[in-house]
Amino acid sequence: NICPLLFFGIGLYLIMSDSVQRANQADAAIKMNLAVADKLAQNVKAFDTDGVGKIIDHYADRVDEKLLRAFTSIHQNLEEFRSHIPDYVIAAAAHETDDGEDDDDDDFGENYKY
């Protein structure tokens, strides 16, 4: 009888396609987290606390929860200690990271599905 073999084949196919889909979603999530972390790092390097806050707010529902807590902690520390950093250091850091490109383009992860 071919029915048990057919059911086994269909079940195996469904399991494999689900595994591939989950692996693709995990890969997309990792890429999103890395891209957001990179964007955040550029703003931290420039002591841009407003930019850091905007990134955290914009991507809060798309990045890993633990990563979000770390980002929030970095933002709070940056806010707290920024007043103790001389203005010339902040100006130099902002000048060093300013490359003339539009940092607001979100060419990563916008089509990512959770």
N, C-alpha and C. Protein backbone atom coordinates (compact mmCIF):
# COMPACT_ATOMS: atom_id res chain seq x y z
N ASN A 1 0.84 -1.17 0.00
CA ASN A 1 0.00 0.00 0.00
C ASN A 1 0.89 1.24 0.00
N ILE A 2 0.58 2.19 -0.85
CA ILE A 2 1.41 3.38 -1.03
C ILE A 2 1.00 4.54 -0.12
N CYS A 3 -0.16 4.47 0.52
CA CYS A 3 -0.63 5.58 1.37
C CYS A 3 0.33 5.91 2.51
N PRO A 4 0.81 4.94 3.30
CA PRO A 4 1.74 5.31 4.38
C PRO A 4 3.01 5.98 3.85
N LEU A 5 3.50 5.51 2.73
CA LEU A 5 4.69 6.10 2.14
C LEU A 5 4.42 7.53 1.67
N LEU A 6 3.24 7.75 1.10
CA LEU A 6 2.84 9.07 0.65
C LEU A 6 2.72 10.04 1.83
N PHE A 7 2.06 9.59 2.90
CA PHE A 7 1.93 10.42 4.10
C PHE A 7 3.30 10.74 4.72
N PHE A 8 4.17 9.75 4.73
CA PHE A 8 5.52 9.97 5.25
C PHE A 8 6.26 11.02 4.41
N GLY A 9 6.15 10.91 3.10
CA GLY A 9 6.82 11.86 2.20
C GLY A 9 6.29 13.28 2.37
N ILE A 10 4.98 13.42 2.48
CA ILE A 10 4.38 14.74 2.67
C ILE A 10 4.81 15.33 4.02
N GLY A 11 4.79 14.52 5.06
CA GLY A 11 5.21 14.97 6.38
C GLY A 11 6.66 15.41 6.40
N LEU A 12 7.52 14.63 5.76
CA LEU A 12 8.94 14.97 5.69
C LEU A 12 9.13 16.28 4.94
N TYR A 13 8.40 16.45 3.85
CA TYR A 13 8.49 17.69 3.08
C TYR A 13 8.08 18.89 3.93
N LEU A 14 6.98 18.78 4.67
CA LEU A 14 6.51 19.88 5.50
C LEU A 14 7.52 20.23 6.60
N ILE A 15 8.09 19.22 7.21
CA ILE A 15 9.09 19.44 8.26
C ILE A 15 10.32 20.15 7.69
N MET A 16 10.77 19.69 6.54
CA MET A 16 11.97 20.28 5.93
C MET A 16 11.71 21.73 5.47
N SER A 17 10.56 21.98 4.88
CA SER A 17 10.28 23.35 4.43
C SER A 17 10.13 24.29 5.62
N ASP A 18 9.56 23.81 6.72
CA ASP A 18 9.45 24.63 7.92
C ASP A 18 10.83 24.93 8.50
N SER A 19 11.71 23.94 8.49
CA SER A 19 13.07 24.13 9.00
C SER A 19 13.83 25.16 8.16
N VAL A 20 13.68 25.10 6.87
CA VAL A 20 14.35 26.05 5.98
C VAL A 20 13.80 27.46 6.22
N GLN A 21 12.48 27.57 6.36
CA GLN A 21 11.87 28.87 6.61
C GLN A 21 12.36 29.46 7.94
N ARG A 22 12.44 28.64 8.99
CA ARG A 22 12.91 29.13 10.28
C ARG A 22 14.38 29.53 10.20
N ALA A 23 15.17 28.79 9.48
CA ALA A 23 16.59 29.14 9.33
C ALA A 23 16.74 30.47 8.59
N ASN A 24 15.92 30.68 7.56
CA ASN A 24 15.96 31.95 6.83
C ASN A 24 15.53 33.11 7.71
N GLN A 25 14.51 32.90 8.55
CA GLN A 25 14.06 33.95 9.47
C GLN A 25 15.14 34.26 10.50
N ALA A 26 15.80 33.24 11.01
CA ALA A 26 16.87 33.45 11.99
C ALA A 26 18.03 34.22 11.35
N ASP A 27 18.35 33.88 10.13
CA ASP A 27 19.43 34.57 9.41
C ASP A 27 19.06 36.04 9.19
N ALA A 28 17.82 36.30 8.81
CA ALA A 28 17.37 37.68 8.60
C ALA A 28 17.38 38.46 9.92
N ALA A 29 17.00 37.81 11.02
CA ALA A 29 17.01 38.47 12.33
C ALA A 29 18.44 38.83 12.74
N ILE A 30 19.38 37.95 12.50
CA ILE A 30 20.78 38.21 12.83
C ILE A 30 21.30 39.39 12.00
N LYS A 31 20.97 39.39 10.72
CA LYS A 31 21.41 40.49 9.86
C LYS A 31 20.81 41.82 10.33
N MET A 32 19.54 41.80 10.73
CA MET A 32 18.88 43.01 11.23
C MET A 32 19.57 43.50 12.49
N ASN A 33 19.83 42.60 13.43
CA ASN A 33 20.49 42.98 14.69
C ASN A 33 21.87 43.57 14.43
N LEU A 34 22.63 42.96 13.54
CA LEU A 34 23.97 43.47 13.22
C LEU A 34 23.91 44.84 12.55
N ALA A 35 22.98 45.01 11.65
CA ALA A 35 22.87 46.28 10.95
C ALA A 35 22.45 47.40 11.90
N VAL A 36 21.51 47.11 12.78
CA VAL A 36 21.08 48.11 13.76
C VAL A 36 22.22 48.43 14.72
N ALA A 37 22.94 47.40 15.16
CA ALA A 37 24.08 47.61 16.06
C ALA A 37 25.14 48.47 15.39
N ASP A 38 25.40 48.24 14.11
CA ASP A 38 26.38 49.04 13.38
C ASP A 38 25.93 50.49 13.27
N LYS A 39 24.68 50.69 12.95
CA LYS A 39 24.13 52.04 12.84
C LYS A 39 24.20 52.75 14.20
N LEU A 40 23.88 52.01 15.25
CA LEU A 40 23.94 52.57 16.60
C LEU A 40 25.38 52.92 16.97
N ALA A 41 26.32 52.06 16.63
CA ALA A 41 27.73 52.30 16.94
C ALA A 41 28.24 53.57 16.29
N GLN A 42 27.82 53.85 15.08
CA GLN A 42 28.24 55.07 14.40
C GLN A 42 27.75 56.31 15.15
N ASN A 43 26.53 56.25 15.68
CA ASN A 43 26.00 57.38 16.44
C ASN A 43 26.66 57.50 17.80
N VAL A 44 26.97 56.38 18.43
CA VAL A 44 27.67 56.41 19.72
C VAL A 44 29.05 57.01 19.53
N LYS A 45 29.73 56.61 18.48
CA LYS A 45 31.07 57.12 18.19
C LYS A 45 31.06 58.64 18.04
N ALA A 46 29.99 59.18 17.50
CA ALA A 46 29.87 60.62 17.31
C ALA A 46 29.23 61.31 18.52
N PHE A 47 28.96 60.54 19.58
CA PHE A 47 28.29 61.07 20.77
C PHE A 47 26.94 61.69 20.42
N ASP A 48 26.27 61.15 19.43
CA ASP A 48 24.97 61.64 18.98
C ASP A 48 23.88 60.95 19.78
N THR A 49 23.56 61.50 20.95
CA THR A 49 22.57 60.85 21.82
C THR A 49 21.18 60.88 21.21
N ASP A 50 20.85 61.95 20.49
CA ASP A 50 19.54 62.01 19.84
C ASP A 50 19.42 60.92 18.77
N GLY A 51 20.49 60.75 18.00
CA GLY A 51 20.48 59.72 16.97
C GLY A 51 20.36 58.32 17.55
N VAL A 52 21.06 58.07 18.66
CA VAL A 52 20.98 56.77 19.33
C VAL A 52 19.55 56.52 19.80
N GLY A 53 18.94 57.52 20.42
CA GLY A 53 17.56 57.37 20.90
C GLY A 53 16.58 57.10 19.77
N LYS A 54 16.76 57.79 18.64
CA LYS A 54 15.87 57.59 17.49
C LYS A 54 16.00 56.17 16.93
N ILE A 55 17.24 55.68 16.87
CA ILE A 55 17.46 54.32 16.35
C ILE A 55 16.78 53.30 17.26
N ILE A 56 16.98 53.47 18.57
CA ILE A 56 16.36 52.54 19.53
C ILE A 56 14.84 52.57 19.39
N ASP A 57 14.26 53.75 19.32
CA ASP A 57 12.81 53.87 19.19
C ASP A 57 12.31 53.26 17.88
N HIS A 58 13.03 53.52 16.79
CA HIS A 58 12.59 53.06 15.47
C HIS A 58 12.64 51.54 15.32
N TYR A 59 13.66 50.92 15.91
CA TYR A 59 13.85 49.48 15.73
C TYR A 59 13.49 48.65 16.95
N ALA A 60 12.85 49.24 17.95
CA ALA A 60 12.57 48.55 19.21
C ALA A 60 11.78 47.26 19.02
N ASP A 61 10.87 47.24 18.09
CA ASP A 61 10.03 46.05 17.89
C ASP A 61 10.63 45.06 16.89
N ARG A 62 11.84 45.35 16.40
CA ARG A 62 12.43 44.48 15.37
C ARG A 62 13.72 43.79 15.79
N VAL A 63 14.31 44.20 16.91
CA VAL A 63 15.57 43.60 17.33
C VAL A 63 15.35 42.74 18.56
N ASP A 64 16.32 41.90 18.83
CA ASP A 64 16.29 41.00 19.98
C ASP A 64 16.11 41.79 21.28
N GLU A 65 15.33 41.25 22.20
CA GLU A 65 15.02 41.94 23.45
C GLU A 65 16.27 42.21 24.29
N LYS A 66 17.17 41.24 24.38
CA LYS A 66 18.41 41.44 25.14
C LYS A 66 19.28 42.51 24.49
N LEU A 67 19.32 42.51 23.18
CA LEU A 67 20.09 43.51 22.46
C LEU A 67 19.48 44.89 22.68
N LEU A 68 18.17 44.98 22.70
CA LEU A 68 17.49 46.24 22.95
C LEU A 68 17.83 46.78 24.34
N ARG A 69 17.85 45.89 25.34
CA ARG A 69 18.23 46.32 26.69
C ARG A 69 19.66 46.86 26.71
N ALA A 70 20.56 46.20 25.99
CA ALA A 70 21.95 46.66 25.93
C ALA A 70 22.02 48.02 25.24
N PHE A 71 21.29 48.19 24.14
CA PHE A 71 21.27 49.47 23.43
C PHE A 71 20.74 50.58 24.35
N THR A 72 19.69 50.27 25.08
CA THR A 72 19.09 51.26 25.98
C THR A 72 20.08 51.64 27.08
N SER A 73 20.79 50.67 27.61
CA SER A 73 21.80 50.95 28.63
C SER A 73 22.92 51.83 28.09
N ILE A 74 23.36 51.54 26.87
CA ILE A 74 24.39 52.37 26.22
C ILE A 74 23.88 53.80 26.07
N HIS A 75 22.64 53.93 25.63
CA HIS A 75 22.05 55.26 25.44
C HIS A 75 21.98 56.02 26.75
N GLN A 76 21.54 55.36 27.81
CA GLN A 76 21.45 56.01 29.11
C GLN A 76 22.83 56.45 29.61
N ASN A 77 23.83 55.58 29.45
CA ASN A 77 25.18 55.93 29.87
C ASN A 77 25.74 57.09 29.05
N LEU A 78 25.47 57.07 27.77
CA LEU A 78 25.94 58.15 26.90
C LEU A 78 25.30 59.48 27.31
N GLU A 79 24.01 59.44 27.59
CA GLU A 79 23.31 60.65 28.05
C GLU A 79 23.90 61.16 29.36
N GLU A 80 24.16 60.24 30.28
CA GLU A 80 24.65 60.61 31.60
C GLU A 80 26.06 61.20 31.56
N PHE A 81 26.94 60.62 30.75
CA PHE A 81 28.33 61.04 30.76
C PHE A 81 28.69 62.06 29.69
N ARG A 82 27.78 62.35 28.80
CA ARG A 82 28.10 63.29 27.71
C ARG A 82 28.47 64.67 28.24
N SER A 83 27.82 65.11 29.30
CA SER A 83 28.11 66.44 29.84
C SER A 83 29.52 66.53 30.41
N HIS A 84 30.17 65.41 30.67
CA HIS A 84 31.52 65.40 31.24
C HIS A 84 32.60 65.33 30.15
N ILE A 85 32.19 65.22 28.91
CA ILE A 85 33.15 65.12 27.81
C ILE A 85 33.33 66.51 27.20
N PRO A 86 34.56 66.96 27.04
CA PRO A 86 34.80 68.30 26.48
C PRO A 86 34.17 68.44 25.08
N ASP A 87 33.67 69.63 24.80
CA ASP A 87 33.01 69.89 23.51
C ASP A 87 33.92 69.60 22.32
N TYR A 88 35.22 69.90 22.44
CA TYR A 88 36.12 69.67 21.31
C TYR A 88 36.26 68.18 20.98
N VAL A 89 36.11 67.30 21.98
CA VAL A 89 36.16 65.86 21.73
C VAL A 89 34.91 65.43 20.97
N ILE A 90 33.77 65.95 21.39
CA ILE A 90 32.51 65.61 20.71
C ILE A 90 32.51 66.14 19.29
N ALA A 91 33.00 67.37 19.11
CA ALA A 91 33.06 67.95 17.76
C ALA A 91 34.00 67.15 16.87
N ALA A 92 35.13 66.74 17.41
CA ALA A 92 36.09 65.95 16.62
C ALA A 92 35.50 64.60 16.25
N ALA A 93 34.78 63.97 17.18
CA ALA A 93 34.18 62.67 16.91
C ALA A 93 33.07 62.80 15.87
N ALA A 94 32.28 63.85 15.96
CA ALA A 94 31.21 64.07 14.98
C ALA A 94 31.80 64.34 13.61
N HIS A 95 32.87 65.10 13.56
CA HIS A 95 33.53 65.40 12.28
C HIS A 95 34.13 64.13 11.66
N GLU A 96 34.71 63.29 12.50
CA GLU A 96 35.34 62.06 12.03
C GLU A 96 34.33 61.09 11.44
N THR A 97 33.12 61.04 12.00
CA THR A 97 32.11 60.09 11.52
C THR A 97 31.24 60.67 10.41
N ASP A 98 31.34 61.97 10.17
CA ASP A 98 30.52 62.60 9.13
C ASP A 98 31.17 62.36 7.78
N ASP A 99 30.58 61.45 7.00
CA ASP A 99 31.14 61.15 5.68
C ASP A 99 30.27 61.66 4.54
N GLY A 100 29.25 62.43 4.89
CA GLY A 100 28.42 63.02 3.86
C GLY A 100 27.33 62.11 3.33
N GLU A 101 27.27 60.88 3.82
CA GLU A 101 26.24 59.96 3.35
C GLU A 101 24.98 60.11 4.17
N ASP A 102 23.87 59.72 3.62
CA ASP A 102 22.60 59.75 4.33
C ASP A 102 22.51 58.54 5.23
N ASP A 103 22.63 58.76 6.55
CA ASP A 103 22.60 57.65 7.50
C ASP A 103 21.19 57.18 7.80
N ASP A 104 20.18 57.88 7.29
CA ASP A 104 18.81 57.51 7.62
C ASP A 104 18.20 56.51 6.66
N ASP A 105 18.97 56.06 5.65
CA ASP A 105 18.36 55.11 4.73
C ASP A 105 18.35 53.73 5.37
N ASP A 106 17.21 53.10 5.29
CA ASP A 106 17.00 51.81 5.93
C ASP A 106 16.96 50.72 4.89
N ASP A 107 18.09 50.46 4.26
CA ASP A 107 18.12 49.48 3.19
C ASP A 107 18.27 48.06 3.72
N PHE A 108 18.24 47.90 5.02
CA PHE A 108 18.32 46.58 5.60
C PHE A 108 17.09 46.32 6.43
N GLY A 109 16.56 45.15 6.30
CA GLY A 109 15.54 44.68 7.21
C GLY A 109 14.15 45.25 7.09
N GLU A 110 13.92 46.21 6.24
CA GLU A 110 12.58 46.80 6.16
C GLU A 110 11.53 45.79 5.70
N ASN A 111 11.94 44.81 4.92
CA ASN A 111 11.00 43.79 4.44
C ASN A 111 11.04 42.53 5.27
N TYR A 112 11.74 42.58 6.40
CA TYR A 112 11.87 41.40 7.26
C TYR A 112 10.54 41.10 7.94
N LYS A 113 10.15 39.85 7.92
CA LYS A 113 8.90 39.40 8.53
C LYS A 113 9.22 38.58 9.77
N TYR A 114 8.59 38.92 10.88
CA TYR A 114 8.78 38.17 12.12
C TYR A 114 7.81 37.03 12.22
